[in-house]
Protein backbone atom coordinates (compact mmCIF):
# COMPACT_ATOMS: atom_id res chain seq x y z
CA MET A 1 0.00 0.00 0.00
CA ARG A 2 1.32 3.44 -0.94
CA LEU A 3 0.96 6.15 1.68
CA ARG A 4 0.70 9.83 0.92
CA PRO A 5 3.62 11.96 2.13
CA LEU A 6 3.10 12.63 5.79
CA LEU A 7 3.91 15.65 7.86
CA LEU A 8 5.73 14.59 11.02
CA SER A 9 5.16 16.53 14.20
CA LEU A 10 7.26 15.61 17.22
CA VAL A 11 6.28 16.76 20.66
CA ALA A 12 9.26 16.85 22.98
CA ALA A 13 8.94 14.77 26.11
CA ALA A 14 10.01 17.75 28.16
CA ALA A 15 6.79 19.51 27.22
CA SER A 16 4.54 16.95 28.91
CA PRO A 17 4.60 18.53 32.42
CA LEU A 18 3.35 21.77 30.83
CA LEU A 19 0.53 19.93 29.08
CA LEU A 20 -0.51 18.33 32.34
CA ALA A 21 -0.55 21.69 34.03
CA GLN A 22 -2.73 23.34 31.41
CA ARG A 23 -5.86 21.25 32.03
CA THR A 24 -7.46 21.93 35.39
CA GLU A 25 -11.14 21.08 34.96
CA SER A 26 -12.39 17.64 35.83
CA TYR A 27 -15.89 18.19 34.47
CA GLN A 28 -18.01 20.67 32.52
CA PRO A 29 -21.06 21.59 34.59
CA ASN A 30 -24.42 22.76 33.32
CA PRO A 31 -24.08 26.55 33.10
CA ASP A 32 -27.72 26.97 34.18
CA THR A 33 -27.16 25.44 37.63
CA SER A 34 -26.32 27.46 40.72
CA LEU A 35 -23.52 25.05 41.61
CA GLY A 36 -21.81 25.39 38.26
CA THR A 37 -18.22 26.14 39.32
CA MET A 38 -15.67 23.78 37.83
CA VAL A 39 -13.77 21.46 40.13
CA THR A 40 -10.01 21.82 39.82
CA LYS A 41 -7.36 19.19 40.40
CA ASP A 42 -6.62 20.83 43.75
CA ASP A 43 -10.04 19.56 44.85
CA LEU A 44 -9.14 15.99 43.89
CA SER A 45 -6.86 13.55 45.62
CA HIS A 46 -4.00 13.78 43.12
CA ALA A 47 -3.14 15.04 39.65
CA GLU A 48 -3.77 11.49 38.42
CA GLY A 49 -7.19 12.06 40.00
CA ASP A 50 -9.45 9.67 38.14
CA ARG A 51 -7.04 6.75 37.86
CA LEU A 52 -8.21 4.24 40.46
CA ASN A 53 -5.77 3.25 43.17
CA SER A 54 -6.72 0.88 46.00
CA GLU A 55 -4.40 2.80 48.34
CA VAL A 56 -5.80 6.25 47.54
CA THR A 57 -9.23 7.50 48.66
CA GLN A 58 -11.07 9.42 45.93
CA ASN A 59 -12.96 12.54 46.99
CA ILE A 60 -16.43 12.99 45.49
CA TYR A 61 -18.31 16.28 45.88
CA THR A 62 -22.09 16.32 45.51
CA ALA A 63 -25.13 18.19 46.84
CA LEU A 64 -28.77 17.73 47.81
CA GLY A 65 -31.04 17.97 44.78
CA TYR A 66 -28.36 16.71 42.39
CA SER A 67 -27.09 13.32 41.25
CA THR A 68 -23.46 12.41 40.63
CA PHE A 69 -22.68 9.83 37.95
CA LEU A 70 -19.58 7.68 38.50
CA GLN A 71 -18.39 5.93 35.33
CA PHE A 72 -16.03 2.95 35.76
CA PRO A 73 -13.90 1.10 33.18
CA LYS A 74 -15.62 -1.16 30.68
CA SER A 75 -13.66 -4.14 32.02
CA SER A 76 -15.09 -3.66 35.54
CA GLU A 77 -16.82 -6.55 37.30
CA PHE A 78 -18.85 -5.19 40.19
CA GLY A 79 -18.72 -6.86 43.57
CA VAL A 80 -20.04 -5.45 46.85
CA VAL A 81 -20.84 -1.73 47.07
CA THR A 82 -21.19 -0.39 50.61
CA VAL A 83 -21.75 3.05 52.14
CA GLY A 84 -21.09 4.12 55.74
CA ALA A 85 -24.14 6.31 56.38
CA LYS A 86 -27.07 4.96 54.38
CA ASN A 87 -29.34 7.74 55.63
CA TYR A 88 -27.01 10.27 53.96
CA LEU A 89 -26.90 8.83 50.48
CA SER A 90 -28.87 6.79 47.96
CA ILE A 91 -26.75 4.53 45.72
CA GLU A 92 -27.92 3.04 42.43
CA VAL A 93 -25.56 0.50 40.88
CA LYS A 94 -25.80 0.18 37.07
CA ALA A 95 -23.69 -2.93 36.56
CA ASP A 96 -24.59 -3.19 32.87
CA GLN A 97 -23.41 0.40 32.32
CA LYS A 98 -20.41 0.01 34.66
CA ALA A 99 -21.68 2.99 36.63
CA ILE A 100 -22.93 4.14 40.04
CA ILE A 101 -25.34 7.03 40.62
CA LEU A 102 -25.10 8.91 43.93
CA THR A 103 -28.08 10.93 45.19
CA PRO A 104 -27.72 12.77 48.53
CA LYS A 105 -30.55 12.68 51.09
CA VAL A 106 -29.22 15.40 53.43
CA LEU A 107 -28.15 19.02 53.03
CA SER A 108 -24.59 18.41 54.20
CA GLY A 109 -22.48 15.59 55.54
CA GLN A 110 -19.68 13.17 54.81
CA THR A 111 -19.51 9.42 54.50
CA ASN A 112 -17.37 6.73 52.96
CA MET A 113 -18.18 4.33 50.14
CA THR A 114 -16.33 1.16 49.16
CA VAL A 115 -16.68 -0.34 45.69
CA VAL A 116 -15.27 -3.78 44.86
CA LEU A 117 -14.17 -3.97 41.23
CA ASN A 118 -12.54 -7.10 39.83
CA LYS A 119 -12.23 -8.38 43.43
CA GLN A 120 -10.25 -5.29 44.46
CA PRO A 121 -11.75 -2.73 46.92
CA TYR A 122 -11.59 0.97 46.09
CA ASN A 123 -12.45 3.68 48.62
CA PHE A 124 -14.33 6.93 48.12
CA LEU A 125 -15.08 9.81 50.47
CA ILE A 126 -18.47 11.33 49.63
CA ASN A 127 -18.68 15.02 50.55
CA ILE A 128 -22.23 16.42 50.55
CA LEU A 129 -21.99 20.19 50.34
CA PRO A 130 -24.69 22.82 51.10
CA GLN A 131 -23.15 24.99 48.36
CA GLY A 132 -20.03 25.26 46.26
CA ARG A 133 -18.33 23.05 43.74
CA ILE A 134 -19.70 19.59 42.96
CA HIS A 135 -19.10 16.73 40.56
CA PHE A 136 -21.86 15.94 38.09
CA LYS A 137 -19.81 13.13 36.53
CA ARG A 138 -16.52 11.38 37.27
CA THR A 139 -14.93 8.87 34.90
CA PHE A 140 -12.42 6.41 36.32
CA THR A 141 -9.77 4.18 34.76
CA PHE A 142 -7.66 1.39 36.21
CA PRO A 143 -3.92 1.93 36.80
CA TYR A 144 -3.44 -1.20 34.68
CA MET A 145 -5.48 -3.04 32.08
CA THR A 146 -6.15 -6.75 31.65
CA ASP A 147 -6.87 -8.95 28.69
CA GLU A 148 -10.12 -10.86 28.24
CA GLY A 149 -8.80 -13.68 30.42
CA GLY A 150 -8.18 -11.28 33.29
CA LYS A 151 -4.40 -11.51 33.07
CA ALA A 152 -2.32 -8.36 33.24
CA VAL A 153 -0.95 -7.23 29.92
CA SER A 154 2.81 -6.81 29.66
CA PHE A 155 3.67 -3.41 28.21
CA GLY A 156 6.88 -2.68 26.39
CA PRO A 157 9.32 0.02 27.54
CA PRO A 158 9.03 3.65 26.39
CA VAL A 159 11.07 4.56 23.32
CA ARG A 160 12.24 7.82 21.77
CA PRO A 161 9.76 9.47 19.33
CA GLN A 162 12.27 9.16 16.49
CA ASP A 163 12.45 5.40 17.05
CA ILE A 164 8.73 4.84 16.38
CA ASN A 165 8.22 3.27 12.96
CA ALA A 166 5.05 5.25 12.24
CA ASN A 167 4.60 4.03 8.67
CA LYS A 168 4.54 0.41 9.86
CA TYR A 169 1.66 1.07 12.26
CA ILE A 170 -0.28 3.16 9.75
CA ALA A 171 0.02 0.37 7.18
CA LEU A 172 -1.41 -2.11 9.72
CA ILE A 173 -4.24 0.28 10.55
CA GLU A 174 -5.17 1.00 6.92
CA ASN A 175 -5.10 -2.70 5.98
CA TYR A 176 -7.11 -3.76 9.03
CA GLY A 177 -10.20 -5.71 8.00
CA LEU A 178 -9.18 -6.08 4.36
CA PRO A 179 -9.21 -9.57 2.78
CA SER A 180 -5.47 -9.24 2.11
CA ALA A 181 -4.66 -8.66 5.79
CA LYS A 182 -2.81 -11.49 7.50
CA ALA A 183 -4.27 -12.56 10.84
CA ALA A 184 -0.80 -13.13 12.29
CA ASP A 185 0.05 -9.44 11.81
CA TYR A 186 -2.88 -8.43 14.03
CA ARG A 187 -2.50 -10.94 16.84
CA TRP A 188 -1.20 -8.28 19.22
CA MET A 189 -3.20 -5.32 17.93
CA GLU A 190 -6.31 -4.04 19.69
CA HIS A 191 -9.09 -1.95 18.18
CA GLN A 192 -11.97 0.13 19.48
CA GLU A 193 -14.40 2.22 17.43
CA LEU A 194 -14.86 5.63 19.04
CA LYS A 195 -17.08 7.60 16.62
CA GLN A 196 -16.69 10.96 18.36
CA ALA A 197 -17.64 13.90 16.13
CA LEU A 198 -16.75 17.51 16.90
CA THR A 199 -17.63 20.65 14.95
CA TRP A 200 -14.75 23.11 14.75
CA ASN A 201 -14.65 26.33 12.70
CA ASN A 202 -17.48 25.00 10.52
CA THR A 203 -15.48 21.85 9.81
CA LEU A 204 -15.95 18.29 11.07
CA VAL A 205 -13.30 16.64 13.25
CA TYR A 206 -14.10 12.96 13.74
CA LEU A 207 -12.23 10.71 16.18
CA THR A 208 -12.98 7.38 14.52
CA ASP A 209 -10.83 4.66 16.11
CA ALA A 210 -8.22 3.73 18.68
CA PHE A 211 -5.61 1.09 17.83
CA GLY A 212 -3.53 -0.40 20.62
CA PHE A 213 -0.17 -2.13 20.48
CA PRO A 214 0.48 -3.09 24.14
CA ARG A 215 3.76 -4.89 23.42
CA ASP A 216 5.07 -1.60 22.03
CA ASN A 217 3.34 0.44 24.76
CA LEU A 218 1.64 2.40 22.02
CA VAL A 219 -1.83 3.63 21.12
CA VAL A 220 -2.66 5.28 17.79
CA LEU A 221 -5.78 7.42 17.41
CA LYS A 222 -7.22 8.00 13.94
CA VAL A 223 -8.83 11.39 13.37
CA LEU A 224 -10.55 12.63 10.21
CA HIS A 225 -10.75 16.36 9.47
CA ARG A 226 -13.16 17.42 6.72
CA ASN A 227 -13.69 21.00 5.62
CA TYR A 228 -17.36 21.61 4.82
CA SER A 229 -16.99 25.38 5.09
CA SER A 230 -16.47 27.95 2.34
CA LYS A 231 -13.09 29.02 3.76
CA ALA A 232 -9.71 27.36 4.18
CA SER A 233 -9.15 25.63 7.54
CA TYR A 234 -5.87 24.93 9.34
CA LEU A 235 -5.61 22.23 12.02
CA ALA A 236 -2.22 20.72 12.85
CA ALA A 237 -1.77 17.45 14.73
CA SER A 238 0.14 19.33 17.43
CA GLN A 239 -3.01 21.37 18.21
CA ILE A 240 -5.07 18.30 19.21
CA MET A 241 -5.06 17.31 22.89
CA ILE A 242 -5.73 13.73 24.06
CA TYR A 243 -7.49 12.78 27.29
CA VAL A 244 -8.26 9.48 28.99
CA ALA A 245 -11.10 10.10 31.42
CA ASN A 246 -10.05 13.52 32.74
CA THR A 247 -6.29 13.00 32.47
CA PRO A 248 -4.33 14.59 29.60
CA PHE A 249 -1.64 12.66 27.73
CA PRO A 250 0.86 14.35 25.44
CA VAL A 251 1.01 13.32 21.80
CA THR A 252 4.33 11.59 21.16
CA VAL A 253 4.10 11.78 17.37
CA GLY A 254 1.47 13.39 15.14
CA LEU A 255 1.23 12.48 11.45
CA GLN A 256 -0.93 14.02 8.76
CA ALA A 257 -0.79 14.74 5.04
CA ARG A 258 -1.74 18.40 5.14
CA PRO A 259 -2.94 20.63 8.01
CA LEU A 260 -4.31 23.28 5.59
CA LEU A 261 -7.58 22.21 3.96
CA TYR A 262 -9.50 24.10 1.31
CA PRO A 263 -13.31 23.78 1.02
CA GLY A 264 -14.35 20.19 0.34
CA GLU A 265 -10.99 18.63 1.25
CA MET A 266 -10.32 16.00 3.92
CA ASP A 267 -7.24 14.99 5.93
CA THR A 268 -6.40 11.98 8.09
CA VAL A 269 -4.48 12.61 11.31
CA TYR A 270 -2.71 9.88 13.28
CA LEU A 271 -1.91 10.61 16.92
CA PHE A 272 0.64 8.34 18.61
CA VAL A 273 0.77 8.09 22.42
CA GLN A 274 3.64 5.94 23.66
CA GLY A 275 4.94 4.87 27.05
CA TYR A 276 1.88 5.36 29.32
CA ASN A 277 0.54 1.78 29.57
CA LEU A 278 -2.62 2.71 27.65
CA ARG A 279 -4.79 0.40 25.58
CA ALA A 280 -7.33 0.84 22.81
CA GLN A 281 -10.14 0.12 25.31
CA ASN A 282 -9.42 3.26 27.34
CA ASP A 283 -11.94 6.11 27.36
CA PHE A 284 -10.23 8.37 24.81
CA GLN A 285 -11.38 11.87 24.00
CA ILE A 286 -9.82 14.74 22.09
CA GLU A 287 -9.92 18.46 22.65
CA LEU A 288 -9.42 21.09 19.97
CA PRO A 289 -8.16 24.69 20.19
CA PRO A 290 -10.78 27.46 20.55
CA ASN A 291 -12.65 28.09 17.31
CA SER A 292 -12.40 31.49 15.64
CA ALA A 293 -15.67 32.81 17.11
CA LYS A 294 -14.62 31.99 20.67
CA LEU A 295 -11.13 33.32 20.05
CA ASN A 296 -12.54 36.63 18.84
CA THR A 297 -14.67 36.81 21.99
CA TYR A 298 -11.62 36.15 24.17
CA LEU A 299 -9.66 38.88 22.39
CA ALA A 300 -12.54 41.36 22.62
CA ASN A 301 -12.89 40.75 26.37
CA GLY A 302 -9.16 40.81 26.98
CA THR A 303 -9.21 37.27 28.38
CA HIS A 304 -7.37 34.08 27.49
CA PRO A 305 -8.79 30.78 26.21
């Protein structure tokens, strides 16, 4: 298969602490609610916040008259769910959705909750606040992932960005599912359809798939950018941010044919994330830079995006 010439964008590893520092929100509240202040990472237990750890208690903030939705990994198997003060809190376990819904019964208070997932207990401290900042939704991931048999997957060591054979992985991705593809080549590749569509500057940005290569400690996200507008649009791979749950991960390598699209044109962007023990089954999301309308508003108000 012949690949179009690709534009290579390397993101230096030294930049990753800055990327982690730039994202502070853990949720986007409904702007119509009176408790709509965003929770920052200082309100959470650690910067890794939503990555489950059996030795770390997760703080959850909620309020009377609201429900808090806790989303757990797709590979979760629910065991016992217990709460210290049952008169403080109503708990609804949605095992089929891998979720728990918390609904406070009192104006203020604090209690603990223990959730057993895959035979491992995880602890939560539920803070019921009379006012202030609350969580409407929290999405959690495991600090490790397992295969279908429940065995821990062995991840390869991190490598330098220049040592990633990007064309090899793109060839595997583009040939995936074709009659000519050899099953042996895909034995250690994982795949998850994501189908996340975003509108940006009157163009469509579509996160279609995640491809995992655990032995190489690598995940590749495939993003389509199509310009439906009447103006040229510029979106470089380096402008796209990647998140798993609420945690940002820097792009190790970004590949695309052309960041500048004229009306009617389309581009494919490949985002490589290497060395973080991620898998295709993780809850991937992307974030784009502010669109032109928002940017003009920021400039007019003298604020920053």
